[in-house]
Amino acid sequence: MPQPAITLATKPAANTCLALIFGEGETAGNGFGKLQPTAVEEVKAALSGLGFKGVRGKTQLLSRPAGSDALALAVTGGGDVARLDEAGMEMIAASLYHAVKSAGFEGVSFDLTGYAPELVARAKLAFHLASYRFDKYFGQAKLDKAPTLKNITIACDDVKAAEAAFEPLAALRDGILFARDLVSEPANVLYPQSYADRVKALESTGLKVEVLGEAEMEKLGMHSLLGVGLGSRKESKLVIMQWHGAGDAQPVAFVGKGVTFDTGGISIKPAEGMEDMKWDMGGSAAVVGTMIALASRKTKVNAIGIIGLVENMPDGNAQRPGDVVKAMSGTTIEVINTDAEGRLVLADALWYCQDRFKPQFMIDLATLTGAMIIALGIDYAGVFSNNDELAERIGEASKAAGENTWRMPLPPQYEKQIDSKIADIRNIGGRPAGSITAALFLQRFVNNVPWAHMDIAPVAWTNEQRIPTVPEGATGFGVRTLTQLVERFYEH
């Protein structure tokens, strides 16, 4: 089903559930001034009786206020409204959506008159993100159980100003939702060729897109990446996206792991939970989403997005533990475990990126290691970097974006764990510090270019809604951080 229609207007729509902000300390939002004085007192008394304190993220449904044409009243907590910022407004609006989406109303009107256009725009973004549903494959019986809410009206003082404030956020929304769709698709639908086709279609946004097949990668010597896909009947691809928004300026670059399904290969995974490995391409989806956001916003930056697309399957032709492959860089790799495949894909993608484009920096994103979940839980992505300034900027951008990251160390003494007795390196370093040794492996292929690795294994998918703007399922994690990074530090 499509998302609810979200409209900006100068007044609440008639015959809808009216939503108003009520802050801590009985701080009533401007919308309360439009109610009859007796109705305001009745509402406050009802809230007091119910113990509603105006805590941000909480919403209380009440009956129709006296003298109003609203069907009902939803009072949503604003917290400390005197300090309400953009992130706070997103939380308020998204929490409101979840409180009313299945309450039986087809329409809700959120009265934000008196609030700045930028806050109104953030509320609109939050409604878009919170109402995301991947129900493409639902039959009618399940669709009939979908949220009843079909129309959201946001009342504000200046519709044109709010629409102008929302325009760059619309680009961000498009990137996040596209990334979520990619991650949500099953592997029989989204495989390297079909994935590449979807990205190629994005040229309508202004992106330039190239797709390399196995023959082209063979000529480039990308045997590290190609080895991962040997067991699959689906041809591996390397997709290169370019956005030119800053003349001859040195580009920034993002590289994503795109394993469209990961069985583990010959080092096969247990059957339980293997269905989740359709989202082992979450890093690539974040890169695609970021490139959409940058292009759609016409960002004044030159940006490169590269995704390595493979399917890791067991087969008579599949790569074996103990095989030795030569990467594009000339480095030989002993493949100890075929389930440590993402780093093999990224090794060639990173080298290709720095060799061809000479970027200011490279950031790779990957659902790389289960060890990252052990280290940081399911709320943080790990960040590894050879450059302090880049790492600090990612941290600042992720905080502003509302995405949690934590910098991890790259101690050189752990390099010995990926030494090989018959090749230059091997693709795993054992259980101790598994995420760190994976990052140290990747560092071998960046050729001293400023680089950061974001291990998003903990945060690419969520089995429960933990953040109001991120429903259960694919999160689109990384798109907000990377776009924020570019806008803050690299836009010309």
Protein backbone atom coordinates (compact mmCIF):
# COMPACT_ATOMS: atom_id res chain seq x y z
CA MET A 1 0.00 0.00 0.00
CA PRO A 2 1.20 3.55 -0.64
CA GLN A 3 2.29 5.72 2.24
CA PRO A 4 -0.32 8.13 3.60
CA ALA A 5 -0.64 11.40 1.71
CA ILE A 6 1.15 14.12 3.68
CA THR A 7 -0.05 17.67 3.00
CA LEU A 8 0.91 21.09 4.29
CA ALA A 9 -1.95 23.54 4.86
CA THR A 10 -2.73 26.74 6.73
CA LYS A 11 -5.34 25.09 8.96
CA PRO A 12 -6.26 21.59 10.14
CA ALA A 13 -8.48 19.56 7.84
CA ALA A 14 -12.08 19.04 8.88
CA ASN A 15 -13.37 15.69 10.09
CA THR A 16 -9.95 14.39 11.09
CA CYS A 17 -8.29 13.54 14.36
CA LEU A 18 -6.75 16.80 15.58
CA ALA A 19 -3.22 16.44 17.00
CA LEU A 20 -1.69 19.05 19.31
CA ILE A 21 1.60 19.31 21.18
CA PHE A 22 1.48 19.49 24.96
CA GLY A 23 4.83 19.95 26.68
CA GLU A 24 6.13 19.23 30.13
CA GLY A 25 4.92 21.64 32.79
CA GLU A 26 1.54 21.95 31.04
CA THR A 27 3.07 23.94 28.17
CA ALA A 28 0.32 23.91 25.58
CA GLY A 29 1.17 24.24 21.89
CA ASN A 30 -0.24 27.09 19.79
CA GLY A 31 -3.02 24.86 18.49
CA PHE A 32 -4.68 24.88 21.89
CA GLY A 33 -5.43 28.56 21.39
CA LYS A 34 -7.90 27.63 18.65
CA LEU A 35 -10.01 25.56 21.05
CA GLN A 36 -12.74 27.07 23.16
CA PRO A 37 -11.41 28.12 26.61
CA THR A 38 -13.71 25.65 28.35
CA ALA A 39 -12.46 22.88 26.04
CA VAL A 40 -8.84 23.69 26.91
CA GLU A 41 -9.57 23.37 30.61
CA GLU A 42 -11.43 20.11 30.04
CA VAL A 43 -8.51 18.71 28.05
CA LYS A 44 -5.98 19.73 30.71
CA ALA A 45 -8.14 18.17 33.42
CA ALA A 46 -8.44 14.95 31.43
CA LEU A 47 -4.69 14.81 30.86
CA SER A 48 -4.03 15.39 34.54
CA GLY A 49 -6.44 12.65 35.50
CA LEU A 50 -4.73 10.24 33.12
CA GLY A 51 -1.28 11.14 34.46
CA PHE A 52 -0.13 12.56 31.12
CA LYS A 53 2.95 14.68 31.76
CA GLY A 54 3.80 15.84 28.24
CA VAL A 55 6.80 13.52 27.95
CA ARG A 56 8.19 13.51 24.42
CA GLY A 57 7.25 10.37 22.52
CA LYS A 58 4.01 9.79 24.44
CA THR A 59 0.56 10.42 22.93
CA GLN A 60 -2.86 10.42 24.57
CA LEU A 61 -6.08 10.03 22.58
CA LEU A 62 -9.10 11.97 23.88
CA SER A 63 -12.65 12.51 22.72
CA ARG A 64 -13.67 15.40 20.46
CA PRO A 65 -13.07 18.81 22.09
CA ALA A 66 -16.22 20.84 22.66
CA GLY A 67 -16.97 23.17 19.76
CA SER A 68 -14.49 21.47 17.39
CA ASP A 69 -15.22 19.72 14.10
CA ALA A 70 -12.43 17.22 14.82
CA LEU A 71 -13.33 13.56 15.20
CA ALA A 72 -11.06 13.22 18.23
CA LEU A 73 -8.05 14.80 19.87
CA ALA A 74 -4.53 13.34 19.99
CA VAL A 75 -2.31 15.13 22.49
CA THR A 76 1.33 14.33 21.87
CA GLY A 77 4.09 15.04 24.37
CA GLY A 78 6.51 17.78 23.42
CA GLY A 79 8.91 17.48 26.32
CA ASP A 80 10.77 20.73 26.93
CA VAL A 81 9.17 22.66 24.08
CA ALA A 82 11.35 25.72 24.75
CA ARG A 83 14.31 23.61 23.62
CA LEU A 84 12.58 21.78 20.82
CA ASP A 85 15.01 21.09 17.98
CA GLU A 86 14.72 19.29 14.64
CA ALA A 87 15.52 15.86 16.07
CA GLY A 88 12.96 16.41 18.80
CA MET A 89 10.28 17.34 16.27
CA GLU A 90 11.03 14.18 14.29
CA MET A 91 10.54 12.11 17.43
CA ILE A 92 7.27 13.89 18.26
CA ALA A 93 5.80 13.50 14.78
CA ALA A 94 6.91 9.89 14.32
CA SER A 95 5.60 8.90 17.76
CA LEU A 96 2.30 10.60 16.96
CA TYR A 97 2.04 8.61 13.74
CA HIS A 98 2.46 5.29 15.52
CA ALA A 99 -0.12 6.27 18.14
CA VAL A 100 -2.85 7.08 15.61
CA LYS A 101 -2.03 4.94 12.56
CA SER A 102 -4.39 2.14 13.56
CA ALA A 103 -6.82 4.05 15.75
CA GLY A 104 -9.53 3.95 13.10
CA PHE A 105 -9.04 7.43 11.65
CA GLU A 106 -8.43 7.95 7.94
CA GLY A 107 -7.04 11.41 8.53
CA VAL A 108 -5.06 13.27 11.18
CA SER A 109 -4.29 16.99 11.32
CA PHE A 110 -1.16 17.99 13.22
CA ASP A 111 -1.39 21.66 14.19
CA LEU A 112 2.09 23.18 14.05
CA THR A 113 1.07 26.79 13.61
CA GLY A 114 3.57 28.98 15.40
CA TYR A 115 6.49 26.65 14.73
CA ALA A 116 9.39 27.50 12.42
CA PRO A 117 9.24 26.20 8.82
CA GLU A 118 12.32 24.04 9.46
CA LEU A 119 10.53 22.23 12.30
CA VAL A 120 7.43 21.76 10.18
CA ALA A 121 9.60 20.25 7.43
CA ARG A 122 11.17 17.85 9.93
CA ALA A 123 7.73 16.73 11.05
CA LYS A 124 6.86 15.96 7.43
CA LEU A 125 10.09 13.97 7.00
CA ALA A 126 9.34 12.03 10.18
CA PHE A 127 5.87 11.07 8.95
CA HIS A 128 7.37 9.76 5.71
CA LEU A 129 10.02 7.69 7.49
CA ALA A 130 7.77 6.38 10.25
CA SER A 131 5.00 5.30 7.86
CA TYR A 132 7.31 3.19 5.68
CA ARG A 133 6.01 -0.33 5.07
CA PHE A 134 7.38 -2.98 2.75
CA ASP A 135 4.13 -4.75 1.89
CA LYS A 136 4.82 -5.36 -1.79
CA TYR A 137 4.16 -9.09 -1.48
CA PHE A 138 1.13 -8.98 0.83
CA GLY A 139 -2.18 -10.41 -0.32
CA GLN A 140 -5.46 -8.58 0.20
CA ALA A 141 -6.12 -10.24 3.56
CA LYS A 142 -2.94 -8.71 5.01
CA LEU A 143 -3.43 -5.41 3.23
CA ASP A 144 -6.83 -5.14 4.86
CA LYS A 145 -5.05 -5.13 8.22
CA ALA A 146 -2.82 -2.24 7.23
CA PRO A 147 -2.93 1.05 9.18
CA THR A 148 -6.17 2.92 8.57
CA LEU A 149 -4.48 6.31 8.39
CA LYS A 150 -4.45 7.54 4.79
CA ASN A 151 -4.11 11.31 5.05
CA ILE A 152 -1.90 13.51 7.23
CA THR A 153 -2.35 17.27 7.20
CA ILE A 154 0.26 19.48 8.83
CA ALA A 155 -1.09 22.93 9.63
CA CYS A 156 1.53 25.67 9.57
CA ASP A 157 1.84 29.44 9.21
CA ASP A 158 3.71 29.57 5.89
CA VAL A 159 3.18 26.66 3.52
CA LYS A 160 5.65 27.93 0.91
CA ALA A 161 8.41 28.39 3.48
CA ALA A 162 7.80 24.92 4.91
CA GLU A 163 7.81 23.36 1.45
CA ALA A 164 11.11 25.10 0.68
CA ALA A 165 12.57 23.78 3.94
CA PHE A 166 11.37 20.30 3.06
CA GLU A 167 12.87 20.22 -0.45
CA PRO A 168 16.36 19.00 0.58
CA LEU A 169 14.74 16.64 3.08
CA ALA A 170 12.70 15.13 0.25
CA ALA A 171 15.98 14.08 -1.37
CA LEU A 172 17.09 12.51 1.90
CA ARG A 173 13.74 10.74 2.27
CA ASP A 174 14.01 9.32 -1.25
CA GLY A 175 17.48 7.97 -0.55
CA ILE A 176 16.51 6.35 2.74
CA LEU A 177 13.33 4.75 1.44
CA PHE A 178 15.07 3.46 -1.71
CA ALA A 179 17.76 1.89 0.49
CA ARG A 180 15.11 0.27 2.69
CA ASP A 181 13.36 -1.16 -0.35
CA LEU A 182 16.61 -2.67 -1.64
CA VAL A 183 17.40 -4.33 1.68
CA SER A 184 13.84 -5.63 2.06
CA GLU A 185 13.69 -7.40 -1.31
CA PRO A 186 14.14 -11.19 -1.33
CA ALA A 187 17.21 -12.59 -3.05
CA ASN A 188 15.26 -14.25 -5.86
CA VAL A 189 14.13 -10.73 -6.84
CA LEU A 190 17.23 -8.71 -6.04
CA TYR A 191 20.38 -10.36 -7.37
CA PRO A 192 23.44 -8.73 -8.97
CA GLN A 193 21.94 -8.12 -12.42
CA SER A 194 18.51 -6.97 -11.26
CA TYR A 195 20.16 -4.79 -8.61
CA ALA A 196 22.43 -3.22 -11.22
CA ASP A 197 19.38 -2.58 -13.43
CA ARG A 198 17.67 -0.68 -10.61
CA VAL A 199 20.73 1.48 -10.08
CA LYS A 200 21.11 2.09 -13.82
CA ALA A 201 17.57 3.46 -13.85
CA LEU A 202 18.69 6.13 -11.39
CA GLU A 203 20.36 8.03 -14.19
CA SER A 204 17.08 9.97 -14.28
CA THR A 205 18.26 11.70 -11.08
CA GLY A 206 21.38 13.00 -12.81
CA LEU A 207 23.70 10.21 -11.73
CA LYS A 208 26.07 8.67 -14.24
CA VAL A 209 26.01 4.88 -13.83
CA GLU A 210 28.39 2.26 -15.24
CA VAL A 211 28.04 -1.50 -14.79
CA LEU A 212 31.02 -3.82 -15.11
CA GLY A 213 30.42 -7.51 -15.71
CA GLU A 214 32.66 -10.45 -15.01
CA ALA A 215 34.59 -10.13 -18.28
CA GLU A 216 35.52 -6.52 -17.53
CA MET A 217 36.48 -7.35 -13.94
CA GLU A 218 38.55 -10.30 -15.15
CA LYS A 219 40.58 -7.93 -17.34
CA LEU A 220 41.12 -5.67 -14.33
CA GLY A 221 42.37 -8.58 -12.24
CA MET A 222 39.55 -8.47 -9.69
CA HIS A 223 39.92 -12.11 -8.65
CA SER A 224 39.21 -11.36 -4.99
CA LEU A 225 35.70 -10.14 -5.81
CA LEU A 226 35.11 -12.62 -8.61
CA GLY A 227 36.07 -15.58 -6.45
CA VAL A 228 33.12 -14.94 -4.14
CA GLY A 229 30.59 -15.40 -6.93
CA LEU A 230 32.07 -18.53 -8.50
CA GLY A 231 29.42 -20.78 -6.95
CA SER A 232 26.48 -18.72 -8.18
CA ARG A 233 24.69 -18.80 -11.51
CA LYS A 234 24.13 -15.07 -11.08
CA GLU A 235 26.90 -13.02 -12.70
CA SER A 236 28.77 -10.71 -10.35
CA LYS A 237 28.71 -6.98 -11.07
CA LEU A 238 30.57 -3.83 -10.10
CA VAL A 239 28.40 -0.71 -10.30
CA ILE A 240 29.97 2.74 -10.42
CA MET A 241 27.82 5.83 -9.74
CA GLN A 242 29.10 9.35 -10.29
CA TRP A 243 27.57 12.66 -9.27
CA HIS A 244 29.23 15.77 -10.67
CA GLY A 245 28.13 18.86 -8.78
CA ALA A 246 31.39 20.73 -8.20
CA GLY A 247 33.31 21.14 -11.44
CA ASP A 248 36.83 19.72 -11.28
CA ALA A 249 36.94 19.31 -7.49
CA GLN A 250 38.46 16.13 -6.08
CA PRO A 251 35.63 13.68 -5.37
CA VAL A 252 34.54 12.01 -2.18
CA ALA A 253 33.88 8.28 -2.44
CA PHE A 254 31.62 5.68 -0.87
CA VAL A 255 32.03 1.95 -1.37
CA GLY A 256 29.46 -0.68 -0.40
CA LYS A 257 29.37 -4.41 0.12
CA GLY A 258 26.56 -5.88 -1.96
CA VAL A 259 26.29 -9.59 -1.21
CA THR A 260 22.71 -10.09 -2.38
CA PHE A 261 22.56 -13.44 -0.61
CA ASP A 262 25.14 -15.05 1.62
CA THR A 263 24.93 -18.76 2.28
CA GLY A 264 28.52 -18.67 3.49
CA GLY A 265 29.57 -20.63 0.41
CA ILE A 266 31.41 -23.89 1.07
CA SER A 267 31.87 -22.69 4.66
CA ILE A 268 28.11 -22.80 4.79
CA LYS A 269 26.09 -21.07 7.49
CA PRO A 270 23.59 -22.87 9.75
CA ALA A 271 20.09 -23.08 8.28
CA GLU A 272 18.51 -21.19 11.17
CA GLY A 273 18.39 -17.51 10.36
CA MET A 274 19.96 -17.88 6.92
CA GLU A 275 16.92 -16.16 5.39
CA ASP A 276 18.18 -12.94 6.96
CA MET A 277 21.19 -13.01 4.68
CA LYS A 278 19.17 -11.30 1.97
CA TRP A 279 20.19 -8.09 3.74
CA ASP A 280 23.92 -8.76 3.54
CA MET A 281 23.91 -6.03 0.91
CA GLY A 282 22.89 -3.32 3.39
CA GLY A 283 26.16 -1.43 2.95
CA SER A 284 25.66 -1.14 -0.79
CA ALA A 285 22.08 0.03 -0.25
CA ALA A 286 23.33 2.83 2.00
CA VAL A 287 25.74 3.92 -0.73
CA VAL A 288 22.99 3.92 -3.36
CA GLY A 289 20.66 5.84 -1.04
CA THR A 290 23.37 8.41 -0.34
CA MET A 291 24.05 8.94 -4.03
CA ILE A 292 20.31 9.41 -4.66
CA ALA A 293 20.13 12.00 -1.89
CA LEU A 294 23.18 13.90 -3.15
CA ALA A 295 22.00 13.91 -6.76
CA SER A 296 18.37 14.73 -6.00
CA ARG A 297 19.44 17.65 -3.82
CA LYS A 298 21.88 18.83 -6.53
CA THR A 299 24.59 18.86 -3.89
CA LYS A 300 27.66 20.92 -4.78
CA VAL A 301 30.13 18.09 -4.50
CA ASN A 302 31.67 15.47 -6.75
CA ALA A 303 30.84 12.05 -5.36
CA ILE A 304 31.61 8.48 -6.35
CA GLY A 305 29.57 5.48 -5.24
CA ILE A 306 30.84 1.97 -5.96
CA ILE A 307 29.06 -1.24 -5.03
CA GLY A 308 30.33 -4.77 -5.49
CA LEU A 309 27.41 -7.11 -6.20
CA VAL A 310 27.82 -10.85 -5.75
CA GLU A 311 25.90 -13.90 -4.57
CA ASN A 312 27.81 -16.28 -2.29
CA MET A 313 26.60 -19.80 -3.02
CA PRO A 314 27.94 -23.36 -2.62
CA ASP A 315 28.44 -25.21 -5.91
CA GLY A 316 30.86 -27.51 -7.68
CA ASN A 317 32.55 -24.42 -9.04
CA ALA A 318 32.55 -22.51 -5.74
CA GLN A 319 35.64 -21.13 -4.08
CA ARG A 320 37.10 -23.49 -1.47
CA PRO A 321 38.73 -22.90 1.90
CA GLY A 322 42.46 -22.93 1.23
CA ASP A 323 42.23 -21.36 -2.23
CA VAL A 324 44.56 -18.48 -3.05
CA VAL A 325 43.34 -15.56 -5.16
CA LYS A 326 45.10 -12.46 -6.44
CA ALA A 327 43.36 -9.13 -5.87
CA MET A 328 43.43 -6.22 -8.31
CA SER A 329 46.17 -4.65 -6.19
CA GLY A 330 48.38 -7.68 -6.79
CA THR A 331 48.02 -8.85 -3.19
CA THR A 332 47.53 -12.60 -2.84
CA ILE A 333 44.89 -13.79 -0.40
CA GLU A 334 44.51 -17.19 1.20
CA VAL A 335 40.80 -17.87 1.60
CA ILE A 336 40.52 -19.60 4.97
CA ASN A 337 36.78 -19.20 5.31
CA THR A 338 34.44 -18.56 2.36
CA ASP A 339 31.94 -16.96 4.75
CA ALA A 340 34.35 -14.05 5.25
CA GLU A 341 33.44 -12.94 1.74
CA GLY A 342 32.48 -9.30 2.17
CA ARG A 343 36.05 -8.19 2.70
CA LEU A 344 37.06 -9.99 -0.49
CA VAL A 345 34.46 -8.00 -2.43
CA LEU A 346 35.50 -4.71 -0.83
CA ALA A 347 39.21 -5.36 -1.37
CA ASP A 348 38.86 -5.01 -5.14
CA ALA A 349 36.17 -2.33 -4.99
CA LEU A 350 38.31 -0.12 -2.73
CA TRP A 351 41.44 -0.56 -4.83
CA TYR A 352 39.52 0.18 -8.04
CA CYS A 353 38.03 3.29 -6.46
CA GLN A 354 41.31 4.85 -5.33
CA ASP A 355 43.14 3.80 -8.48
CA ARG A 356 40.63 5.30 -10.92
CA PHE A 357 39.16 8.29 -9.08
CA LYS A 358 41.89 9.50 -6.68
CA PRO A 359 39.29 10.61 -4.08
CA GLN A 360 39.73 12.89 -1.07
CA PHE A 361 38.67 9.96 1.07
CA MET A 362 36.91 6.61 0.85
CA ILE A 363 34.27 5.34 3.25
CA ASP A 364 33.15 1.76 2.92
CA LEU A 365 29.96 0.41 4.49
CA ALA A 366 29.32 -3.26 5.07
CA THR A 367 27.38 -5.73 7.14
CA LEU A 368 30.78 -7.25 7.65
CA THR A 369 31.05 -9.11 10.95
CA GLY A 370 28.85 -10.70 13.57
CA ALA A 371 31.65 -9.79 15.95
CA MET A 372 30.57 -6.17 15.63
CA ILE A 373 27.24 -7.07 17.20
CA ILE A 374 29.05 -8.82 20.05
CA ALA A 375 31.21 -5.73 20.60
CA LEU A 376 28.61 -2.97 20.31
CA GLY A 377 25.18 -4.56 20.55
CA ILE A 378 22.42 -3.66 18.12
CA ASP A 379 22.30 0.13 18.41
CA TYR A 380 25.73 1.16 17.14
CA ALA A 381 27.80 0.83 13.98
CA GLY A 382 31.54 0.48 14.38
CA VAL A 383 33.84 2.98 12.65
CA PHE A 384 37.46 2.16 11.85
CA SER A 385 39.73 4.71 10.21
CA ASN A 386 43.30 5.49 9.26
CA ASN A 387 42.57 9.23 9.51
CA ASP A 388 41.61 11.01 12.73
CA GLU A 389 40.00 14.01 11.03
CA LEU A 390 37.76 11.81 8.87
CA ALA A 391 36.79 9.67 11.86
CA GLU A 392 35.93 12.73 13.93
CA ARG A 393 33.84 14.17 11.13
CA ILE A 394 31.92 10.91 10.74
CA GLY A 395 31.26 10.94 14.47
CA GLU A 396 29.98 14.51 14.36
CA ALA A 397 27.84 13.82 11.29
CA SER A 398 26.34 10.65 12.72
CA LYS A 399 25.42 12.43 15.95
CA ALA A 400 23.69 15.21 14.01
CA ALA A 401 21.94 12.60 11.85
CA GLY A 402 20.69 10.61 14.82
CA GLU A 403 22.59 7.47 13.81
CA ASN A 404 24.83 5.92 16.46
CA THR A 405 28.45 5.19 15.60
CA TRP A 406 31.46 4.32 17.76
CA ARG A 407 35.08 4.52 16.73
CA MET A 408 37.05 1.32 17.11
CA PRO A 409 40.84 0.86 17.20
CA LEU A 410 43.11 -0.44 14.43
CA PRO A 411 46.07 -1.73 16.47
CA PRO A 412 48.95 -2.76 14.19
CA GLN A 413 49.97 -5.61 16.50
CA TYR A 414 46.83 -7.47 15.38
CA GLU A 415 48.09 -7.52 11.80
CA LYS A 416 49.87 -10.79 12.52
CA GLN A 417 46.50 -12.50 12.88
CA ILE A 418 45.91 -12.13 9.14
CA ASP A 419 49.35 -13.32 8.09
CA SER A 420 49.32 -16.32 5.76
CA LYS A 421 51.91 -19.06 5.42
CA ILE A 422 51.41 -19.40 1.66
CA ALA A 423 50.09 -15.96 0.52
CA ASP A 424 50.45 -12.30 1.41
CA ILE A 425 47.48 -12.35 3.76
CA ARG A 426 44.53 -14.52 4.70
CA ASN A 427 40.92 -13.48 4.87
CA ILE A 428 40.23 -14.12 8.55
CA GLY A 429 42.24 -13.65 11.70
CA GLY A 430 40.47 -15.96 14.10
CA ARG A 431 37.87 -15.19 16.77
CA PRO A 432 39.79 -12.61 18.86
CA ALA A 433 39.07 -9.06 17.68
CA GLY A 434 37.24 -10.34 14.61
CA SER A 435 35.86 -6.94 13.55
CA ILE A 436 39.25 -5.31 14.00
CA THR A 437 41.14 -7.87 11.95
CA ALA A 438 38.49 -7.55 9.21
CA ALA A 439 39.12 -3.80 9.13
CA LEU A 440 42.87 -4.34 9.12
CA PHE A 441 42.38 -6.60 6.10
CA LEU A 442 40.50 -3.83 4.27
CA GLN A 443 43.16 -1.28 5.17
CA ARG A 444 45.60 -3.24 3.00
CA PHE A 445 43.59 -2.11 -0.07
CA VAL A 446 43.21 1.64 0.45
CA ASN A 447 46.75 2.59 -0.65
CA ASN A 448 47.14 5.19 2.13
CA VAL A 449 44.12 7.19 1.00
CA PRO A 450 42.17 8.65 3.97
CA TRP A 451 39.65 5.91 4.64
CA ALA A 452 37.00 4.77 7.07
CA HIS A 453 35.21 1.46 7.36
CA MET A 454 31.70 1.40 8.83
CA ASP A 455 30.64 -2.04 10.01
CA ILE A 456 26.85 -1.71 10.00
CA ALA A 457 26.05 -5.35 10.79
CA PRO A 458 24.33 -4.35 14.06
CA VAL A 459 22.09 -1.67 12.54
CA ALA A 460 21.18 -2.49 8.92
CA TRP A 461 18.06 -4.37 10.01
CA THR A 462 15.92 -4.25 13.12
CA ASN A 463 13.51 -6.91 14.35
CA GLU A 464 11.62 -4.37 16.41
CA GLN A 465 10.92 -0.68 16.22
CA ARG A 466 13.47 0.96 18.49
CA ILE A 467 13.39 4.47 17.00
CA PRO A 468 10.06 6.07 15.98
CA THR A 469 11.31 7.01 12.50
CA VAL A 470 12.70 3.49 11.88
CA PRO A 471 9.99 0.81 11.70
CA GLU A 472 10.73 -2.89 11.99
CA GLY A 473 12.79 -4.21 9.07
CA ALA A 474 15.34 -2.48 6.87
CA THR A 475 16.65 0.74 8.43
CA GLY A 476 18.48 2.53 5.63
CA PHE A 477 21.24 3.19 8.18
CA GLY A 478 24.13 5.24 6.85
CA VAL A 479 22.29 7.43 4.35
CA ARG A 480 21.66 10.18 6.89
CA THR A 481 25.20 10.09 8.27
CA LEU A 482 26.89 10.24 4.88
CA THR A 483 24.68 13.01 3.51
CA GLN A 484 25.20 14.98 6.71
CA LEU A 485 28.96 14.44 6.41
CA VAL A 486 29.03 15.82 2.87
CA GLU A 487 26.77 18.79 3.65
CA ARG A 488 28.76 19.80 6.74
CA PHE A 489 32.30 19.36 5.53
CA TYR A 490 32.66 18.77 1.80
CA GLU A 491 30.01 20.72 -0.10
CA HIS A 492 31.43 23.59 -2.16
